[in-house]
Amino acid sequence: MRRLRRRCEQRLAGLVIPHPFDLDAFAAVVAAHRGRPLTLRPMPGLGTGAPCGLWLSLASADYVFYDPGTSRLHAEHIVLHELAHMLSGHRTGLDVSGGALARLAPDLDPRTVERILGRVSYTTAQEREAEMMASLIRARAARPAPRTLGGGSLGRLADVLKFRL
């Protein structure tokens, strides 16, 4: 677990987690980090025998779908889990043969899909890693915003040196 946590913390190093936390603002940080658009979309029906969250990667953009029929905090965690898959570069995904993709996104040409991952269990290493990263993001977001020494030269120097009061 310690190695997993360390690896996840390394992946999160340098990513700005907004204070106070705002999921859309954090999604914008991830989009900028990946250099491509990212859209978060509620999708009723996820979670009923299907994944409660889903990351769909196309050549030009990423989409995260989540079950809106749950609490705000749970929906946010589902999205953070999918964003963690992105940040980790996970590749193994759902089997979309047999029309499963068509049921989820009927207007989407399956040939345009580069990657699709769904949050269905926690049994694989990738799922455990995504869950750990989502929890670390949430924990960092819950911390109070760091206070600096203020403006002026001393404040800027403290910021550069990462010195906090």
N, C-alpha and C. Protein backbone atom coordinates (compact mmCIF):
# COMPACT_ATOMS: atom_id res chain seq x y z
N MET A 1 0.82 -1.19 0.00
CA MET A 1 0.00 0.00 0.00
C MET A 1 0.87 1.27 0.00
N ARG A 2 1.98 1.20 0.73
CA ARG A 2 2.84 2.39 0.78
C ARG A 2 3.41 2.73 -0.59
N ARG A 3 3.81 1.68 -1.33
CA ARG A 3 4.33 1.92 -2.69
C ARG A 3 3.25 2.50 -3.59
N LEU A 4 2.05 1.97 -3.48
CA LEU A 4 0.93 2.48 -4.26
C LEU A 4 0.67 3.94 -3.94
N ARG A 5 0.64 4.26 -2.66
CA ARG A 5 0.40 5.64 -2.25
C ARG A 5 1.50 6.58 -2.76
N ARG A 6 2.76 6.14 -2.64
CA ARG A 6 3.88 6.96 -3.11
C ARG A 6 3.78 7.21 -4.62
N ARG A 7 3.45 6.16 -5.37
CA ARG A 7 3.31 6.30 -6.82
C ARG A 7 2.18 7.28 -7.16
N CYS A 8 1.09 7.19 -6.45
CA CYS A 8 -0.04 8.09 -6.70
C CYS A 8 0.33 9.53 -6.33
N GLU A 9 1.01 9.71 -5.23
CA GLU A 9 1.42 11.06 -4.84
C GLU A 9 2.39 11.66 -5.85
N GLN A 10 3.27 10.85 -6.42
CA GLN A 10 4.18 11.34 -7.46
C GLN A 10 3.41 11.80 -8.68
N ARG A 11 2.37 11.07 -9.04
CA ARG A 11 1.56 11.46 -10.20
C ARG A 11 0.80 12.76 -9.95
N LEU A 12 0.47 13.01 -8.69
CA LEU A 12 -0.28 14.23 -8.36
C LEU A 12 0.63 15.44 -8.13
N ALA A 13 1.93 15.19 -8.00
CA ALA A 13 2.87 16.28 -7.75
C ALA A 13 2.78 17.30 -8.89
N GLY A 14 2.67 18.54 -8.52
CA GLY A 14 2.63 19.61 -9.51
C GLY A 14 1.24 19.93 -10.02
N LEU A 15 0.25 19.09 -9.74
CA LEU A 15 -1.12 19.41 -10.15
C LEU A 15 -1.76 20.32 -9.11
N VAL A 16 -2.34 21.37 -9.58
CA VAL A 16 -3.00 22.31 -8.68
C VAL A 16 -4.36 21.76 -8.30
N ILE A 17 -4.60 21.64 -7.01
CA ILE A 17 -5.91 21.24 -6.52
C ILE A 17 -6.55 22.50 -5.94
N PRO A 18 -7.64 22.96 -6.55
CA PRO A 18 -8.21 24.25 -6.13
C PRO A 18 -8.70 24.25 -4.68
N HIS A 19 -8.51 25.39 -4.04
CA HIS A 19 -9.03 25.63 -2.68
C HIS A 19 -9.89 26.87 -2.72
N PRO A 20 -11.13 26.84 -2.36
CA PRO A 20 -11.89 25.64 -2.00
C PRO A 20 -12.04 24.75 -3.23
N PHE A 21 -12.25 23.47 -2.96
CA PHE A 21 -12.29 22.51 -4.06
C PHE A 21 -13.51 22.74 -4.94
N ASP A 22 -13.27 22.69 -6.25
CA ASP A 22 -14.33 22.80 -7.24
C ASP A 22 -14.02 21.76 -8.31
N LEU A 23 -14.93 20.82 -8.51
CA LEU A 23 -14.69 19.72 -9.44
C LEU A 23 -14.46 20.21 -10.86
N ASP A 24 -15.24 21.17 -11.31
CA ASP A 24 -15.06 21.68 -12.67
C ASP A 24 -13.70 22.35 -12.83
N ALA A 25 -13.27 23.08 -11.81
CA ALA A 25 -11.96 23.73 -11.87
C ALA A 25 -10.84 22.68 -11.90
N PHE A 26 -11.00 21.62 -11.11
CA PHE A 26 -9.99 20.57 -11.12
C PHE A 26 -9.98 19.83 -12.46
N ALA A 27 -11.16 19.61 -13.03
CA ALA A 27 -11.23 18.97 -14.35
C ALA A 27 -10.52 19.83 -15.39
N ALA A 28 -10.61 21.15 -15.26
CA ALA A 28 -9.90 22.05 -16.18
C ALA A 28 -8.39 21.90 -16.00
N VAL A 29 -7.93 21.70 -14.77
CA VAL A 29 -6.51 21.47 -14.51
C VAL A 29 -6.06 20.18 -15.20
N VAL A 30 -6.86 19.12 -15.09
CA VAL A 30 -6.52 17.85 -15.72
C VAL A 30 -6.52 17.99 -17.24
N ALA A 31 -7.50 18.71 -17.77
CA ALA A 31 -7.57 18.93 -19.22
C ALA A 31 -6.32 19.66 -19.71
N ALA A 32 -5.91 20.69 -18.99
CA ALA A 32 -4.71 21.44 -19.36
C ALA A 32 -3.47 20.55 -19.26
N HIS A 33 -3.42 19.74 -18.22
CA HIS A 33 -2.29 18.82 -18.02
C HIS A 33 -2.19 17.84 -19.19
N ARG A 34 -3.34 17.37 -19.67
CA ARG A 34 -3.36 16.41 -20.77
C ARG A 34 -3.33 17.08 -22.14
N GLY A 35 -3.58 18.40 -22.16
CA GLY A 35 -3.53 19.14 -23.43
C GLY A 35 -4.68 18.82 -24.36
N ARG A 36 -5.85 18.54 -23.78
CA ARG A 36 -7.03 18.21 -24.59
C ARG A 36 -8.30 18.50 -23.81
N PRO A 37 -9.38 18.77 -24.52
CA PRO A 37 -10.65 19.08 -23.84
C PRO A 37 -11.14 17.89 -23.01
N LEU A 38 -11.82 18.22 -21.93
CA LEU A 38 -12.40 17.23 -21.04
C LEU A 38 -13.80 17.69 -20.67
N THR A 39 -14.76 16.81 -20.86
CA THR A 39 -16.15 17.13 -20.55
C THR A 39 -16.67 16.16 -19.51
N LEU A 40 -17.31 16.70 -18.47
CA LEU A 40 -17.97 15.88 -17.45
C LEU A 40 -19.45 15.87 -17.76
N ARG A 41 -20.04 14.68 -17.78
CA ARG A 41 -21.46 14.57 -18.14
C ARG A 41 -22.19 13.59 -17.22
N PRO A 42 -23.29 14.04 -16.62
CA PRO A 42 -24.13 13.08 -15.90
C PRO A 42 -24.80 12.15 -16.90
N MET A 43 -24.93 10.89 -16.55
CA MET A 43 -25.61 9.95 -17.43
C MET A 43 -26.51 9.05 -16.59
N PRO A 44 -27.79 9.40 -16.52
CA PRO A 44 -28.72 8.57 -15.75
C PRO A 44 -28.68 7.13 -16.26
N GLY A 45 -28.79 6.20 -15.34
CA GLY A 45 -28.77 4.79 -15.71
C GLY A 45 -27.43 4.13 -15.44
N LEU A 46 -26.37 4.93 -15.33
CA LEU A 46 -25.10 4.33 -14.93
C LEU A 46 -25.28 3.88 -13.49
N GLY A 47 -24.62 2.82 -13.13
CA GLY A 47 -24.72 2.35 -11.76
C GLY A 47 -25.79 1.29 -11.58
N THR A 48 -26.72 1.12 -12.50
CA THR A 48 -27.74 0.08 -12.41
C THR A 48 -27.29 -1.08 -13.29
N GLY A 49 -26.43 -1.91 -12.75
CA GLY A 49 -25.91 -3.03 -13.52
C GLY A 49 -24.81 -2.62 -14.48
N ALA A 50 -24.50 -1.34 -14.54
CA ALA A 50 -23.44 -0.81 -15.40
C ALA A 50 -22.45 -0.10 -14.48
N PRO A 51 -21.32 0.33 -15.03
CA PRO A 51 -20.38 1.10 -14.20
C PRO A 51 -21.06 2.37 -13.68
N CYS A 52 -20.66 2.83 -12.49
CA CYS A 52 -21.23 4.09 -11.99
C CYS A 52 -20.44 5.28 -12.51
N GLY A 53 -19.33 5.01 -13.17
CA GLY A 53 -18.54 6.05 -13.82
C GLY A 53 -17.87 5.48 -15.05
N LEU A 54 -17.58 6.35 -16.00
CA LEU A 54 -17.03 5.88 -17.26
C LEU A 54 -16.16 6.97 -17.87
N TRP A 55 -14.97 6.59 -18.33
CA TRP A 55 -14.09 7.51 -19.05
C TRP A 55 -14.05 7.04 -20.49
N LEU A 56 -14.37 7.93 -21.37
CA LEU A 56 -14.35 7.66 -22.81
C LEU A 56 -13.32 8.59 -23.43
N SER A 57 -12.31 8.02 -24.06
CA SER A 57 -11.24 8.80 -24.68
C SER A 57 -11.36 8.69 -26.19
N LEU A 58 -11.53 9.83 -26.83
CA LEU A 58 -11.55 9.90 -28.29
C LEU A 58 -10.23 10.53 -28.74
N ALA A 59 -9.99 10.56 -30.01
CA ALA A 59 -8.74 11.12 -30.53
C ALA A 59 -8.56 12.57 -30.12
N SER A 60 -9.66 13.31 -30.02
CA SER A 60 -9.55 14.75 -29.80
C SER A 60 -10.00 15.22 -28.42
N ALA A 61 -10.61 14.35 -27.62
CA ALA A 61 -11.16 14.82 -26.33
C ALA A 61 -11.42 13.64 -25.41
N ASP A 62 -11.61 13.98 -24.13
CA ASP A 62 -11.97 13.00 -23.11
C ASP A 62 -13.36 13.36 -22.58
N TYR A 63 -14.10 12.31 -22.21
CA TYR A 63 -15.42 12.48 -21.62
C TYR A 63 -15.49 11.59 -20.38
N VAL A 64 -16.01 12.16 -19.31
CA VAL A 64 -16.27 11.37 -18.11
C VAL A 64 -17.76 11.43 -17.85
N PHE A 65 -18.37 10.24 -17.77
CA PHE A 65 -19.79 10.10 -17.48
C PHE A 65 -19.91 9.57 -16.06
N TYR A 66 -20.91 10.04 -15.34
CA TYR A 66 -21.10 9.59 -13.97
C TYR A 66 -22.59 9.50 -13.67
N ASP A 67 -22.91 8.70 -12.68
CA ASP A 67 -24.29 8.48 -12.26
C ASP A 67 -24.75 9.69 -11.43
N PRO A 68 -25.72 10.46 -11.91
CA PRO A 68 -26.19 11.61 -11.15
C PRO A 68 -27.20 11.23 -10.06
N GLY A 69 -27.57 9.95 -10.02
CA GLY A 69 -28.57 9.51 -9.05
C GLY A 69 -27.98 9.10 -7.72
N THR A 70 -26.91 9.74 -7.34
CA THR A 70 -26.26 9.46 -6.06
C THR A 70 -25.98 10.79 -5.38
N SER A 71 -25.38 10.76 -4.22
CA SER A 71 -25.09 12.02 -3.52
C SER A 71 -24.05 12.83 -4.29
N ARG A 72 -24.00 14.12 -4.05
CA ARG A 72 -23.03 15.00 -4.72
C ARG A 72 -21.60 14.53 -4.41
N LEU A 73 -21.35 14.18 -3.16
CA LEU A 73 -20.01 13.75 -2.76
C LEU A 73 -19.62 12.44 -3.45
N HIS A 74 -20.56 11.51 -3.55
CA HIS A 74 -20.26 10.25 -4.22
C HIS A 74 -20.04 10.46 -5.71
N ALA A 75 -20.88 11.28 -6.34
CA ALA A 75 -20.71 11.57 -7.77
C ALA A 75 -19.34 12.22 -8.02
N GLU A 76 -18.95 13.11 -7.12
CA GLU A 76 -17.64 13.77 -7.24
C GLU A 76 -16.52 12.74 -7.14
N HIS A 77 -16.66 11.79 -6.21
CA HIS A 77 -15.63 10.77 -6.05
C HIS A 77 -15.55 9.87 -7.29
N ILE A 78 -16.69 9.57 -7.88
CA ILE A 78 -16.72 8.77 -9.11
C ILE A 78 -15.93 9.49 -10.20
N VAL A 79 -16.17 10.79 -10.35
CA VAL A 79 -15.45 11.56 -11.37
C VAL A 79 -13.96 11.60 -11.05
N LEU A 80 -13.60 11.82 -9.80
CA LEU A 80 -12.18 11.85 -9.42
C LEU A 80 -11.52 10.51 -9.74
N HIS A 81 -12.22 9.43 -9.53
CA HIS A 81 -11.70 8.09 -9.85
C HIS A 81 -11.39 7.99 -11.35
N GLU A 82 -12.29 8.48 -12.18
CA GLU A 82 -12.07 8.42 -13.63
C GLU A 82 -10.93 9.36 -14.04
N LEU A 83 -10.84 10.53 -13.42
CA LEU A 83 -9.73 11.45 -13.70
C LEU A 83 -8.41 10.81 -13.29
N ALA A 84 -8.43 10.04 -12.21
CA ALA A 84 -7.22 9.33 -11.77
C ALA A 84 -6.77 8.31 -12.82
N HIS A 85 -7.72 7.64 -13.46
CA HIS A 85 -7.36 6.74 -14.56
C HIS A 85 -6.61 7.51 -15.64
N MET A 86 -7.12 8.70 -15.98
CA MET A 86 -6.47 9.53 -17.01
C MET A 86 -5.06 9.89 -16.60
N LEU A 87 -4.93 10.41 -15.37
CA LEU A 87 -3.63 10.87 -14.89
C LEU A 87 -2.63 9.72 -14.79
N SER A 88 -3.13 8.50 -14.62
CA SER A 88 -2.26 7.33 -14.51
C SER A 88 -1.95 6.70 -15.86
N GLY A 89 -2.64 7.15 -16.90
CA GLY A 89 -2.41 6.58 -18.22
C GLY A 89 -2.91 5.15 -18.36
N HIS A 90 -3.93 4.80 -17.60
CA HIS A 90 -4.46 3.44 -17.67
C HIS A 90 -5.04 3.16 -19.05
N ARG A 91 -4.88 1.93 -19.49
CA ARG A 91 -5.29 1.58 -20.85
C ARG A 91 -6.34 0.48 -20.90
N THR A 92 -6.28 -0.49 -20.03
CA THR A 92 -7.22 -1.60 -20.10
C THR A 92 -8.61 -1.08 -19.76
N GLY A 93 -9.58 -1.48 -20.54
CA GLY A 93 -10.90 -0.95 -20.32
C GLY A 93 -11.99 -1.98 -20.44
N LEU A 94 -13.18 -1.47 -20.64
CA LEU A 94 -14.36 -2.32 -20.77
C LEU A 94 -14.42 -2.95 -22.14
N ASP A 95 -14.98 -4.11 -22.19
CA ASP A 95 -15.25 -4.76 -23.46
C ASP A 95 -16.52 -4.14 -24.01
N VAL A 96 -16.42 -3.45 -25.13
CA VAL A 96 -17.58 -2.77 -25.69
C VAL A 96 -18.15 -3.51 -26.88
N SER A 97 -17.77 -4.78 -27.01
CA SER A 97 -18.36 -5.56 -28.09
C SER A 97 -19.80 -5.91 -27.72
N GLY A 98 -20.55 -6.37 -28.68
CA GLY A 98 -21.92 -6.77 -28.42
C GLY A 98 -22.86 -5.60 -28.23
N GLY A 99 -22.46 -4.41 -28.67
CA GLY A 99 -23.38 -3.28 -28.64
C GLY A 99 -23.42 -2.49 -27.35
N ALA A 100 -22.54 -2.81 -26.38
CA ALA A 100 -22.57 -2.08 -25.11
C ALA A 100 -22.29 -0.59 -25.32
N LEU A 101 -21.33 -0.28 -26.17
CA LEU A 101 -21.02 1.13 -26.43
C LEU A 101 -22.20 1.82 -27.11
N ALA A 102 -22.84 1.13 -28.01
CA ALA A 102 -23.99 1.72 -28.71
C ALA A 102 -25.11 2.05 -27.73
N ARG A 103 -25.27 1.24 -26.70
CA ARG A 103 -26.30 1.54 -25.69
C ARG A 103 -25.92 2.76 -24.87
N LEU A 104 -24.63 2.92 -24.58
CA LEU A 104 -24.18 4.05 -23.78
C LEU A 104 -24.15 5.35 -24.59
N ALA A 105 -23.68 5.27 -25.82
CA ALA A 105 -23.53 6.45 -26.67
C ALA A 105 -23.95 6.08 -28.09
N PRO A 106 -25.26 6.09 -28.37
CA PRO A 106 -25.75 5.60 -29.65
C PRO A 106 -25.25 6.38 -30.87
N ASP A 107 -24.89 7.64 -30.72
CA ASP A 107 -24.45 8.45 -31.86
C ASP A 107 -22.95 8.37 -32.11
N LEU A 108 -22.25 7.58 -31.34
CA LEU A 108 -20.79 7.54 -31.41
C LEU A 108 -20.32 6.39 -32.29
N ASP A 109 -19.44 6.69 -33.22
CA ASP A 109 -18.83 5.67 -34.07
C ASP A 109 -17.77 4.94 -33.24
N PRO A 110 -17.93 3.64 -33.00
CA PRO A 110 -16.97 2.90 -32.16
C PRO A 110 -15.54 2.99 -32.66
N ARG A 111 -15.33 3.24 -33.94
CA ARG A 111 -13.95 3.33 -34.47
C ARG A 111 -13.23 4.57 -33.96
N THR A 112 -13.96 5.56 -33.42
CA THR A 112 -13.33 6.78 -32.93
C THR A 112 -12.88 6.65 -31.47
N VAL A 113 -13.26 5.58 -30.82
CA VAL A 113 -12.95 5.40 -29.40
C VAL A 113 -11.54 4.85 -29.26
N GLU A 114 -10.71 5.58 -28.54
CA GLU A 114 -9.35 5.12 -28.28
C GLU A 114 -9.28 4.31 -27.00
N ARG A 115 -10.09 4.70 -26.03
CA ARG A 115 -10.03 4.06 -24.73
C ARG A 115 -11.36 4.24 -24.03
N ILE A 116 -11.79 3.22 -23.30
CA ILE A 116 -12.99 3.34 -22.48
C ILE A 116 -12.75 2.55 -21.20
N LEU A 117 -12.87 3.22 -20.09
CA LEU A 117 -12.70 2.57 -18.79
C LEU A 117 -13.93 2.85 -17.96
N GLY A 118 -14.37 1.85 -17.25
CA GLY A 118 -15.54 2.00 -16.39
C GLY A 118 -15.23 1.53 -14.99
N ARG A 119 -15.83 2.20 -14.04
CA ARG A 119 -15.63 1.88 -12.63
C ARG A 119 -16.63 0.81 -12.24
N VAL A 120 -16.18 -0.46 -12.28
CA VAL A 120 -17.09 -1.55 -11.98
C VAL A 120 -16.66 -2.36 -10.76
N SER A 121 -15.37 -2.38 -10.45
CA SER A 121 -14.91 -3.15 -9.29
C SER A 121 -13.59 -2.56 -8.82
N TYR A 122 -13.10 -3.09 -7.73
CA TYR A 122 -11.82 -2.61 -7.19
C TYR A 122 -10.81 -3.74 -7.14
N THR A 123 -10.98 -4.75 -8.00
CA THR A 123 -10.15 -5.94 -7.91
C THR A 123 -8.87 -5.85 -8.71
N THR A 124 -8.76 -4.95 -9.66
CA THR A 124 -7.54 -4.87 -10.45
C THR A 124 -6.61 -3.81 -9.88
N ALA A 125 -5.34 -3.93 -10.23
CA ALA A 125 -4.34 -2.97 -9.75
C ALA A 125 -4.69 -1.55 -10.23
N GLN A 126 -5.17 -1.44 -11.48
CA GLN A 126 -5.54 -0.11 -12.00
C GLN A 126 -6.69 0.49 -11.21
N GLU A 127 -7.66 -0.31 -10.86
CA GLU A 127 -8.80 0.19 -10.09
C GLU A 127 -8.38 0.62 -8.69
N ARG A 128 -7.51 -0.16 -8.07
CA ARG A 128 -7.01 0.23 -6.73
C ARG A 128 -6.21 1.52 -6.82
N GLU A 129 -5.41 1.65 -7.87
CA GLU A 129 -4.62 2.86 -8.05
C GLU A 129 -5.52 4.07 -8.27
N ALA A 130 -6.53 3.93 -9.11
CA ALA A 130 -7.45 5.05 -9.36
C ALA A 130 -8.20 5.42 -8.09
N GLU A 131 -8.57 4.42 -7.32
CA GLU A 131 -9.28 4.69 -6.06
C GLU A 131 -8.38 5.42 -5.07
N MET A 132 -7.12 5.00 -4.99
CA MET A 132 -6.16 5.67 -4.10
C MET A 132 -5.97 7.11 -4.52
N MET A 133 -5.78 7.36 -5.81
CA MET A 133 -5.56 8.73 -6.29
C MET A 133 -6.79 9.60 -6.02
N ALA A 134 -7.98 9.07 -6.27
CA ALA A 134 -9.20 9.84 -6.01
C ALA A 134 -9.27 10.21 -4.53
N SER A 135 -8.92 9.29 -3.66
CA SER A 135 -8.94 9.56 -2.22
C SER A 135 -7.88 10.60 -1.83
N LEU A 136 -6.70 10.53 -2.45
CA LEU A 136 -5.65 11.51 -2.16
C LEU A 136 -6.05 12.91 -2.64
N ILE A 137 -6.67 12.99 -3.80
CA ILE A 137 -7.15 14.29 -4.30
C ILE A 137 -8.16 14.86 -3.33
N ARG A 138 -9.12 14.04 -2.91
CA ARG A 138 -10.15 14.48 -1.96
C ARG A 138 -9.51 14.93 -0.66
N ALA A 139 -8.53 14.19 -0.16
CA ALA A 139 -7.87 14.54 1.10
C ALA A 139 -7.13 15.87 0.96
N ARG A 140 -6.43 16.06 -0.14
CA ARG A 140 -5.72 17.33 -0.36
C ARG A 140 -6.69 18.49 -0.50
N ALA A 141 -7.81 18.23 -1.12
CA ALA A 141 -8.81 19.28 -1.31
C ALA A 141 -9.43 19.69 0.03
N ALA A 142 -9.47 18.77 0.98
CA ALA A 142 -10.09 19.05 2.27
C ALA A 142 -9.17 19.84 3.20
N ARG A 143 -7.88 19.85 2.89
CA ARG A 143 -6.94 20.61 3.72
C ARG A 143 -7.22 22.10 3.57
N PRO A 144 -6.99 22.85 4.62
CA PRO A 144 -7.15 24.29 4.48
C PRO A 144 -6.12 24.86 3.50
N ALA A 145 -6.50 25.90 2.81
CA ALA A 145 -5.58 26.55 1.86
C ALA A 145 -4.36 27.03 2.63
N PRO A 146 -3.18 26.81 2.06
CA PRO A 146 -1.96 27.26 2.74
C PRO A 146 -1.92 28.77 2.86
N ARG A 147 -1.44 29.23 4.01
CA ARG A 147 -1.27 30.67 4.22
C ARG A 147 0.17 31.02 3.91
N THR A 148 0.37 32.14 3.26
CA THR A 148 1.74 32.57 2.96
C THR A 148 2.08 33.76 3.85
N LEU A 149 3.28 34.24 3.71
CA LEU A 149 3.73 35.37 4.51
C LEU A 149 3.20 36.69 4.00
N GLY A 150 2.45 36.68 2.93
CA GLY A 150 1.88 37.92 2.43
C GLY A 150 2.58 38.40 1.18
N GLY A 151 2.29 39.63 0.80
CA GLY A 151 2.83 40.19 -0.43
C GLY A 151 4.27 40.66 -0.26
N GLY A 152 4.77 41.34 -1.25
CA GLY A 152 6.12 41.87 -1.21
C GLY A 152 7.17 40.82 -1.46
N SER A 153 8.42 41.24 -1.38
CA SER A 153 9.55 40.35 -1.68
C SER A 153 9.61 39.16 -0.75
N LEU A 154 9.38 39.39 0.53
CA LEU A 154 9.45 38.30 1.49
C LEU A 154 8.37 37.26 1.20
N GLY A 155 7.17 37.71 0.88
CA GLY A 155 6.08 36.80 0.56
C GLY A 155 6.36 36.00 -0.69
N ARG A 156 6.90 36.65 -1.72
CA ARG A 156 7.23 35.93 -2.96
C ARG A 156 8.34 34.91 -2.72
N LEU A 157 9.36 35.29 -1.94
CA LEU A 157 10.44 34.37 -1.61
C LEU A 157 9.90 33.16 -0.83
N ALA A 158 9.01 33.41 0.11
CA ALA A 158 8.41 32.31 0.87
C ALA A 158 7.61 31.40 -0.05
N ASP A 159 6.90 31.97 -1.01
CA ASP A 159 6.14 31.15 -1.95
C ASP A 159 7.06 30.27 -2.79
N VAL A 160 8.16 30.85 -3.29
CA VAL A 160 9.11 30.10 -4.11
C VAL A 160 9.72 28.96 -3.31
N LEU A 161 10.04 29.23 -2.03
CA LEU A 161 10.65 28.21 -1.18
C LEU A 161 9.63 27.28 -0.56
N LYS A 162 8.36 27.50 -0.87
CA LYS A 162 7.25 26.67 -0.36
C LYS A 162 7.16 26.75 1.16
N PHE A 163 7.53 27.91 1.71
CA PHE A 163 7.43 28.10 3.16
C PHE A 163 6.03 28.58 3.49
N ARG A 164 5.39 27.94 4.45
CA ARG A 164 4.03 28.29 4.86
C ARG A 164 4.00 28.53 6.36
N LEU A 165 3.13 29.44 6.75
CA LEU A 165 2.92 29.68 8.18
C LEU A 165 2.04 28.63 8.79
